[in-house]
Amino acid sequence: MPPAIMAEGLVKKYGDVVALDGMNLSVPEGTVFGLLGPNGAGKTTTVRILTTLLKPDAGHATVAGFDVVADAHRLRSRIGASGQFAAVDDHLTGAENLEMVGRLYHLGTKPSRQRARELLERFDLTEAADRPVQGYSGGMRRRLDLAAALVANPPVLFLDEPTTGLDPRARAGLWDTISELVATGTTVLLTTQYMEEADRLADRIAVVDHGHVIALGTADELKDQIGGDRIELTVTNPADLETVRRTLAPLAVGDMRTDATTLQVTIPVTSGAASLTTALSTLTAERVTIRDAGLRRPTLDEVFLTLTGRQATGNPKEHSR
């Protein structure tokens, strides 16, 4: 089947600033595609183009089979979008907000009201349905905003950093909702700077920097790119740090990291448990006393830092690009 979202060579400039520099994407139907990148990498610009809010300077893209420029009017009824901030009217009730969206989609008064009630129940907002939104919590406003994006049952949903500012409980609840949507066939493009969010939700992930994709794959494939497993060792004697680095260097498949404060050494390896066994045997022979040792996979934070040279902030503020 053709991809639900396809972009080829997208370019967008704001004066001398290049926001997108040949962006390529392909998102299969019924999947979650994660778009990761530091502030200013081009994530929001990409979403704005794919949702017909911006026109690219070069390249082309299709969503749900429609060209984002030539077929923009017809495409808008086939997509839903939730941005970095909840786009709801504080002076209307939750029900009135959703009914208004239904009328904007030309669903008619009665179907709009019925759809609003369905979504309020689905997002656990029934008790607050007739209260003005200005009294809603941040999590409630986020759920209402996502409900508004679903009023027209769109086959493709764009979520631009949807959990910004939510507490862990509200974020986990929204993750469950997104998973349920995808299980029913919805395609989701998700931009985020929360690495745990991408690891939990995304079937495939594109790491974006300077306006183009610099790495693409599943979470595990991206982790493998920076060395697979990690051995973490903590010694009791600071003098042993250099011995650990010297004797375990043959096991490392990348740069070893040493923390003189915590006395911890991190060694990227490829053979997992076998490498850990070898490391412990080698250090025992060297009479190095180990306080703690373990094997773990790299995190997406480490992937992000390695690929972009920057730390994920977890506090996204990319509004203009």
Protein backbone atom coordinates (compact mmCIF):
# COMPACT_ATOMS: atom_id res chain seq x y z
CA MET A 1 0.00 0.00 0.00
CA PRO A 2 1.18 3.57 -0.62
CA PRO A 3 2.48 5.37 2.46
CA ALA A 4 0.01 7.42 4.48
CA ILE A 5 2.57 10.24 4.58
CA MET A 6 5.27 10.82 2.02
CA ALA A 7 7.67 13.75 1.70
CA GLU A 8 10.48 14.11 -0.83
CA GLY A 9 13.08 16.86 -0.82
CA LEU A 10 11.12 19.40 1.22
CA VAL A 11 12.87 22.77 1.48
CA LYS A 12 11.69 25.76 3.49
CA LYS A 13 13.58 28.97 4.14
CA TYR A 14 12.83 31.97 6.31
CA GLY A 15 15.06 34.63 4.81
CA ASP A 16 18.61 33.39 5.31
CA VAL A 17 17.52 30.68 7.75
CA VAL A 18 17.08 27.22 6.23
CA ALA A 19 14.42 25.42 8.27
CA LEU A 20 14.15 22.39 5.97
CA ASP A 21 16.97 21.26 3.71
CA GLY A 22 15.75 18.26 1.72
CA MET A 23 13.42 16.54 4.20
CA ASN A 24 12.41 13.00 3.19
CA LEU A 25 9.80 10.92 5.03
CA SER A 26 7.72 7.81 4.37
CA VAL A 27 5.15 6.69 6.93
CA PRO A 28 3.17 3.44 6.44
CA GLU A 29 -0.52 3.36 7.26
CA GLY A 30 -1.56 2.39 10.77
CA THR A 31 1.78 3.15 12.41
CA VAL A 32 3.29 5.73 14.74
CA PHE A 33 6.21 7.60 13.20
CA GLY A 34 8.38 9.54 15.63
CA LEU A 35 10.15 12.72 14.53
CA LEU A 36 12.95 13.59 16.95
CA GLY A 37 15.30 16.53 16.87
CA PRO A 38 16.74 19.41 18.89
CA ASN A 39 15.12 22.84 19.00
CA GLY A 40 15.18 24.41 15.56
CA ALA A 41 15.78 21.11 13.74
CA GLY A 42 12.73 21.58 11.50
CA LYS A 43 10.14 19.32 13.15
CA THR A 44 7.38 21.88 13.49
CA THR A 45 8.00 23.29 10.01
CA THR A 46 7.62 19.78 8.63
CA VAL A 47 4.30 19.32 10.42
CA ARG A 48 3.04 22.70 9.23
CA ILE A 49 3.79 21.79 5.63
CA LEU A 50 2.20 18.34 5.91
CA THR A 51 -0.92 19.87 7.46
CA THR A 52 -1.18 22.50 4.66
CA LEU A 53 -0.41 25.45 6.94
CA LEU A 54 2.80 26.26 5.04
CA LYS A 55 3.87 25.80 1.44
CA PRO A 56 7.34 24.34 0.80
CA ASP A 57 9.83 26.30 -1.27
CA ALA A 58 10.84 23.06 -3.02
CA GLY A 59 10.01 19.36 -2.96
CA HIS A 60 6.59 17.78 -2.61
CA ALA A 61 4.55 15.76 -0.15
CA THR A 62 1.36 13.73 -0.01
CA VAL A 63 -0.82 12.81 2.96
CA ALA A 64 -3.61 10.22 2.70
CA GLY A 65 -3.03 10.26 -1.05
CA PHE A 66 -3.51 14.03 -1.45
CA ASP A 67 -0.83 16.52 -2.48
CA VAL A 68 -0.34 18.99 0.40
CA VAL A 69 -0.30 21.96 -1.99
CA ALA A 70 -2.44 21.05 -5.00
CA ASP A 71 -5.07 19.17 -2.96
CA ALA A 72 -4.83 21.16 0.27
CA HIS A 73 -8.57 21.88 0.54
CA ARG A 74 -9.60 18.23 0.14
CA LEU A 75 -6.80 17.01 2.38
CA ARG A 76 -7.88 19.07 5.39
CA SER A 77 -10.95 16.91 5.93
CA ARG A 78 -8.73 13.81 6.08
CA ILE A 79 -6.32 14.89 8.80
CA GLY A 80 -6.37 15.91 12.44
CA ALA A 81 -3.73 17.92 14.25
CA SER A 82 -2.85 18.73 17.84
CA GLY A 83 -0.13 21.33 18.31
CA GLN A 84 2.28 22.25 21.06
CA PHE A 85 -0.43 24.22 22.86
CA ALA A 86 -4.05 23.18 23.36
CA ALA A 87 -6.09 25.09 20.75
CA VAL A 88 -9.34 25.30 22.70
CA ASP A 89 -11.63 28.22 23.52
CA ASP A 90 -11.50 28.95 27.26
CA HIS A 91 -14.90 30.64 27.26
CA LEU A 92 -16.76 27.66 25.77
CA THR A 93 -17.53 24.42 27.54
CA GLY A 94 -15.79 21.22 26.54
CA ALA A 95 -18.88 20.06 24.67
CA GLU A 96 -19.26 23.39 22.88
CA ASN A 97 -15.63 23.29 21.75
CA LEU A 98 -16.08 19.90 20.11
CA GLU A 99 -19.46 20.78 18.62
CA MET A 100 -17.90 23.89 17.08
CA VAL A 101 -15.18 21.79 15.46
CA GLY A 102 -17.82 19.42 14.08
CA ARG A 103 -19.68 22.31 12.48
CA LEU A 104 -16.46 23.62 10.97
CA TYR A 105 -16.08 20.20 9.36
CA HIS A 106 -19.68 20.60 8.06
CA LEU A 107 -20.92 17.57 9.99
CA GLY A 108 -24.22 19.26 10.84
CA THR A 109 -25.61 20.28 14.22
CA LYS A 110 -26.98 16.94 15.44
CA PRO A 111 -24.03 14.77 14.26
CA SER A 112 -21.60 17.32 15.75
CA ARG A 113 -23.34 17.14 19.11
CA GLN A 114 -23.41 13.34 19.04
CA ARG A 115 -19.74 13.10 18.06
CA ALA A 116 -18.80 15.56 20.81
CA ARG A 117 -20.47 13.41 23.46
CA GLU A 118 -18.78 10.26 22.14
CA LEU A 119 -15.35 11.88 22.36
CA LEU A 120 -15.97 13.42 25.77
CA GLU A 121 -16.75 9.94 27.08
CA ARG A 122 -13.76 8.41 25.31
CA PHE A 123 -11.39 10.95 26.86
CA ASP A 124 -12.94 10.76 30.33
CA LEU A 125 -14.29 14.30 30.16
CA THR A 126 -18.01 13.61 30.51
CA GLU A 127 -18.28 15.09 34.00
CA ALA A 128 -16.58 18.29 32.80
CA ALA A 129 -18.44 18.46 29.48
CA ASP A 130 -20.62 21.42 30.43
CA ARG A 131 -17.99 23.37 32.34
CA PRO A 132 -16.04 26.26 30.75
CA VAL A 133 -12.61 25.11 29.60
CA GLN A 134 -10.90 27.90 31.53
CA GLY A 135 -11.41 25.76 34.64
CA TYR A 136 -9.81 22.64 33.13
CA SER A 137 -6.44 21.30 34.27
CA GLY A 138 -3.55 21.08 31.83
CA GLY A 139 -4.14 17.38 31.29
CA MET A 140 -7.86 17.90 30.66
CA ARG A 141 -7.15 20.64 28.14
CA ARG A 142 -4.69 18.38 26.33
CA ARG A 143 -7.24 15.55 26.16
CA LEU A 144 -9.87 17.94 24.85
CA ASP A 145 -7.47 19.24 22.20
CA LEU A 146 -6.75 15.70 21.04
CA ALA A 147 -10.48 14.95 21.02
CA ALA A 148 -10.99 17.98 18.77
CA ALA A 149 -8.41 16.58 16.34
CA LEU A 150 -10.49 13.39 16.11
CA VAL A 151 -13.93 14.90 15.54
CA ALA A 152 -13.91 14.03 11.82
CA ASN A 153 -12.42 10.54 12.33
CA PRO A 154 -9.27 11.43 10.36
CA PRO A 155 -7.16 8.55 9.02
CA VAL A 156 -3.98 10.58 9.64
CA LEU A 157 -3.20 12.41 12.86
CA PHE A 158 -0.36 14.88 13.50
CA LEU A 159 0.72 15.36 17.10
CA ASP A 160 3.31 18.11 17.53
CA GLU A 161 4.85 17.57 20.98
CA PRO A 162 1.43 16.72 22.44
CA THR A 163 2.52 16.01 26.03
CA THR A 164 4.46 19.22 26.63
CA GLY A 165 3.85 20.41 30.18
CA LEU A 166 1.88 17.36 31.31
CA ASP A 167 2.64 15.56 34.55
CA PRO A 168 3.79 11.90 34.27
CA ARG A 169 0.32 10.49 34.97
CA ALA A 170 -1.39 12.65 32.35
CA ARG A 171 1.39 11.86 29.87
CA ALA A 172 0.99 8.11 30.39
CA GLY A 173 -2.78 8.43 29.89
CA LEU A 174 -2.29 10.24 26.60
CA TRP A 175 0.16 7.55 25.48
CA ASP A 176 -2.51 4.91 26.09
CA THR A 177 -4.98 6.93 24.01
CA ILE A 178 -2.55 7.23 21.11
CA SER A 179 -1.88 3.47 21.20
CA GLU A 180 -5.62 2.79 21.09
CA LEU A 181 -6.03 5.05 18.05
CA VAL A 182 -3.28 3.29 16.13
CA ALA A 183 -4.79 -0.10 17.00
CA THR A 184 -7.92 1.00 15.09
CA GLY A 185 -5.90 1.92 11.98
CA THR A 186 -5.04 5.59 12.51
CA THR A 187 -1.65 6.76 11.26
CA VAL A 188 0.17 9.08 13.68
CA LEU A 189 3.12 11.36 13.05
CA LEU A 190 4.50 12.37 16.43
CA THR A 191 7.11 15.02 17.12
CA THR A 192 8.62 14.94 20.57
CA GLN A 193 11.71 15.70 22.62
CA TYR A 194 10.74 13.19 25.30
CA MET A 195 12.87 10.19 24.45
CA GLU A 196 10.80 7.83 26.60
CA GLU A 197 7.73 8.87 24.61
CA ALA A 198 9.32 7.95 21.29
CA ASP A 199 10.66 4.68 22.70
CA ARG A 200 7.21 3.74 23.99
CA LEU A 201 5.05 4.76 21.03
CA ALA A 202 6.95 4.94 17.75
CA ASP A 203 7.19 2.04 15.32
CA ARG A 204 9.90 3.92 13.45
CA ILE A 205 11.87 7.03 14.34
CA ALA A 206 13.57 9.68 12.23
CA VAL A 207 16.21 11.82 13.95
CA VAL A 208 16.19 15.26 12.35
CA ASP A 209 18.87 17.93 12.51
CA HIS A 210 19.51 21.02 10.40
CA GLY A 211 16.35 20.40 8.39
CA HIS A 212 16.92 16.84 7.18
CA VAL A 213 16.87 13.26 8.44
CA ILE A 214 20.23 12.11 9.82
CA ALA A 215 19.13 8.67 11.10
CA LEU A 216 16.13 6.42 10.55
CA GLY A 217 14.99 3.13 12.04
CA THR A 218 13.27 1.45 14.94
CA ALA A 219 14.33 2.40 18.45
CA ASP A 220 16.44 -0.77 18.68
CA GLU A 221 18.06 -0.15 15.29
CA LEU A 222 19.03 3.37 16.31
CA LYS A 223 20.45 2.10 19.59
CA ASP A 224 22.49 -0.50 17.69
CA GLN A 225 24.01 2.29 15.60
CA ILE A 226 25.82 3.64 18.65
CA GLY A 227 27.10 0.33 19.92
CA GLY A 228 24.30 -1.87 21.17
CA ASP A 229 24.81 -2.92 24.80
CA ARG A 230 26.64 -1.06 27.54
CA ILE A 231 28.66 -2.48 30.41
CA GLU A 232 28.51 -0.23 33.45
CA LEU A 233 31.08 -0.81 36.18
CA THR A 234 31.61 1.05 39.44
CA VAL A 235 34.92 0.56 41.25
CA THR A 236 35.71 1.20 44.91
CA ASN A 237 39.17 2.68 44.41
CA PRO A 238 39.72 5.74 42.17
CA ALA A 239 43.15 4.43 41.27
CA ASP A 240 41.51 1.46 39.52
CA LEU A 241 39.75 3.61 36.90
CA GLU A 242 42.80 3.68 34.64
CA THR A 243 43.28 -0.09 35.03
CA VAL A 244 39.69 -0.67 33.97
CA ARG A 245 40.10 1.55 30.91
CA ARG A 246 43.38 -0.12 29.89
CA THR A 247 42.34 -3.75 30.39
CA LEU A 248 38.83 -3.49 28.94
CA ALA A 249 39.72 -1.37 25.91
CA PRO A 250 39.79 -4.47 23.63
CA LEU A 251 36.10 -5.11 24.44
CA ALA A 252 34.93 -1.61 23.58
CA VAL A 253 33.33 -0.86 20.20
CA GLY A 254 33.22 2.86 20.81
CA ASP A 255 34.40 5.49 23.23
CA MET A 256 34.54 4.45 26.88
CA ARG A 257 33.24 6.99 29.39
CA THR A 258 34.68 7.48 32.87
CA ASP A 259 33.10 9.45 35.69
CA ALA A 260 35.72 10.29 38.31
CA THR A 261 33.04 11.48 40.73
CA THR A 262 30.91 8.33 40.75
CA LEU A 263 33.86 6.01 39.87
CA GLN A 264 31.78 4.56 37.05
CA VAL A 265 33.03 3.35 33.68
CA THR A 266 30.71 2.78 30.71
CA ILE A 267 31.92 0.50 27.91
CA PRO A 268 29.97 0.04 24.65
CA VAL A 269 30.06 -3.62 23.55
CA THR A 270 28.43 -5.85 20.97
CA SER A 271 28.27 -9.31 22.55
CA GLY A 272 26.31 -8.42 25.65
CA ALA A 273 26.43 -11.00 28.44
CA ALA A 274 29.57 -12.67 27.09
CA SER A 275 31.41 -9.35 27.19
CA LEU A 276 30.29 -8.73 30.77
CA THR A 277 31.56 -12.17 31.83
CA THR A 278 34.92 -11.50 30.14
CA ALA A 279 35.16 -8.05 31.72
CA LEU A 280 34.54 -9.34 35.25
CA SER A 281 37.05 -12.18 34.82
CA THR A 282 39.69 -9.79 33.48
CA LEU A 283 39.22 -7.31 36.32
CA THR A 284 39.30 -10.08 38.94
CA ALA A 285 42.67 -11.18 37.55
CA GLU A 286 43.84 -7.57 37.79
CA ARG A 287 42.69 -7.46 41.45
CA VAL A 288 40.25 -4.63 40.76
CA THR A 289 37.45 -4.47 43.32
CA ILE A 290 34.06 -3.88 41.69
CA ARG A 291 31.28 -2.34 43.76
CA ASP A 292 28.61 -2.74 41.09
CA ALA A 293 28.39 -4.09 37.55
CA GLY A 294 25.60 -4.47 35.02
CA LEU A 295 24.63 -4.69 31.37
CA ARG A 296 22.08 -2.40 29.75
CA ARG A 297 20.91 -1.11 26.40
CA PRO A 298 21.66 2.48 25.43
CA THR A 299 18.78 4.92 25.84
CA LEU A 300 17.33 7.07 23.10
CA ASP A 301 18.77 10.04 24.98
CA GLU A 302 22.23 8.61 24.29
CA VAL A 303 21.32 8.01 20.65
CA PHE A 304 20.09 11.58 20.38
CA LEU A 305 23.21 13.02 21.99
CA THR A 306 25.54 10.89 19.86
CA LEU A 307 23.80 11.69 16.57
CA THR A 308 23.12 15.39 17.10
CA GLY A 309 25.84 16.37 19.56
CA ARG A 310 23.14 17.97 21.70
CA GLN A 311 21.15 16.86 24.71
CA ALA A 312 17.39 16.43 24.40
CA THR A 313 15.84 19.10 26.58
CA GLY A 314 12.60 17.39 27.58
CA ASN A 315 11.18 20.92 27.66
CA PRO A 316 10.38 21.70 24.03
CA LYS A 317 10.23 25.33 22.98
CA GLU A 318 10.45 25.09 19.20
CA HIS A 319 7.68 27.40 18.06
CA SER A 320 9.03 29.23 15.03
CA ARG A 321 10.65 26.36 13.17
